[in-house]
Amino acid sequence: MDNSNQVWIAASLRALVIALVTGVSAGTAALASGSDDRQAIIAGVSAAAAALLVRLAGEGGYDSNRAKTGNVQPGDVGRSITVVNEPAVKP
């Protein structure tokens, strides 16, 4: 699997988790403020869609493009971590 696919997978998982949490939170807040079920569902779905769009399309697209060009930065989604074998702390 190439690095750009790893970036999309990582961005997708982050986007789904954030969309779920955001959608449930917005829906629950709408219900708590006196909205009916339909309005709460609309609020929850709207918030989830916005989070999904920004996180997946924005971050996933941007970082996967950088992965294709080899311009991977330490904060990028899906960046593989290189472990450096260093000796234990000397007494």
Protein backbone atom coordinates (compact mmCIF):
# COMPACT_ATOMS: atom_id res chain seq x y z
CA MET A 1 0.00 0.00 0.00
CA ASP A 2 1.48 3.33 -0.99
CA ASN A 3 1.72 6.28 1.36
CA SER A 4 -1.16 8.23 -0.25
CA ASN A 5 -3.58 5.35 0.46
CA GLN A 6 -2.43 5.26 4.08
CA VAL A 7 -3.11 8.97 4.30
CA TRP A 8 -6.65 8.53 2.95
CA ILE A 9 -7.36 5.67 5.36
CA ALA A 10 -6.12 7.62 8.36
CA ALA A 11 -8.02 10.74 7.31
CA SER A 12 -11.18 8.69 6.74
CA LEU A 13 -11.04 7.14 10.19
CA ARG A 14 -10.45 10.50 11.85
CA ALA A 15 -13.23 12.08 9.81
CA LEU A 16 -15.73 9.36 10.70
CA VAL A 17 -14.99 9.56 14.43
CA ILE A 18 -15.18 13.35 14.48
CA ALA A 19 -18.36 13.37 12.37
CA LEU A 20 -20.02 10.86 14.68
CA VAL A 21 -19.12 12.74 17.85
CA THR A 22 -20.04 16.12 16.35
CA GLY A 23 -23.34 14.89 14.93
CA VAL A 24 -24.45 13.23 18.16
CA SER A 25 -23.43 16.26 20.18
CA ALA A 26 -25.30 18.68 17.92
CA GLY A 27 -28.39 16.49 17.83
CA THR A 28 -28.41 16.07 21.60
CA ALA A 29 -27.93 19.80 22.13
CA ALA A 30 -30.82 20.53 19.77
CA LEU A 31 -33.09 18.13 21.65
CA ALA A 32 -32.04 19.58 25.00
CA SER A 33 -32.87 23.09 23.80
CA GLY A 34 -36.44 22.10 22.98
CA SER A 35 -36.25 21.22 19.29
CA ASP A 36 -38.40 18.42 17.94
CA ASP A 37 -36.87 15.16 16.67
CA ARG A 38 -36.79 16.28 13.02
CA GLN A 39 -34.91 19.48 13.82
CA ALA A 40 -32.46 17.60 16.05
CA ILE A 41 -31.74 15.08 13.30
CA ILE A 42 -31.19 17.86 10.76
CA ALA A 43 -28.81 19.63 13.17
CA GLY A 44 -26.90 16.40 13.84
CA VAL A 45 -26.59 15.41 10.18
CA SER A 46 -25.56 18.93 9.16
CA ALA A 47 -22.83 19.06 11.80
CA ALA A 48 -21.60 15.57 10.91
CA ALA A 49 -21.52 16.37 7.19
CA ALA A 50 -19.53 19.54 7.79
CA ALA A 51 -16.98 17.74 9.96
CA LEU A 52 -16.71 14.91 7.43
CA LEU A 53 -16.24 17.29 4.52
CA VAL A 54 -13.57 19.41 6.18
CA ARG A 55 -11.61 16.57 7.72
CA LEU A 56 -11.76 14.07 4.87
CA ALA A 57 -11.76 16.26 1.78
CA GLY A 58 -9.60 19.01 3.19
CA GLU A 59 -7.02 17.22 5.23
CA GLY A 60 -7.08 13.88 3.40
CA GLY A 61 -6.84 15.47 -0.02
CA TYR A 62 -4.14 17.93 0.96
CA ASP A 63 -1.96 15.43 2.82
CA SER A 64 -2.32 12.66 0.21
CA ASN A 65 -1.24 15.10 -2.49
CA ARG A 66 1.83 15.96 -0.42
CA ALA A 67 2.52 12.24 0.08
CA LYS A 68 2.47 11.71 -3.70
CA THR A 69 5.06 14.44 -4.19
CA GLY A 70 7.23 13.25 -1.30
CA ASN A 71 6.64 16.37 0.80
CA VAL A 72 5.57 14.59 4.00
CA GLN A 73 5.79 16.65 7.18
CA PRO A 74 5.86 15.43 10.82
CA GLY A 75 2.24 16.54 11.46
CA ASP A 76 0.70 14.88 8.41
CA VAL A 77 -2.03 12.26 8.74
CA GLY A 78 -0.79 8.74 8.11
CA ARG A 79 2.87 9.63 8.39
CA SER A 80 4.83 6.55 9.30
CA ILE A 81 6.93 6.84 12.41
CA THR A 82 10.58 5.91 12.18
CA VAL A 83 11.95 4.33 15.32
CA VAL A 84 15.53 5.18 16.07
CA ASN A 85 17.42 2.64 18.13
CA GLU A 86 19.17 4.65 20.78
CA PRO A 87 21.02 3.17 23.71
CA ALA A 88 19.39 3.31 27.10
CA VAL A 89 20.26 6.20 29.38
CA LYS A 90 23.70 5.70 30.81
CA PRO A 91 23.99 5.67 34.62
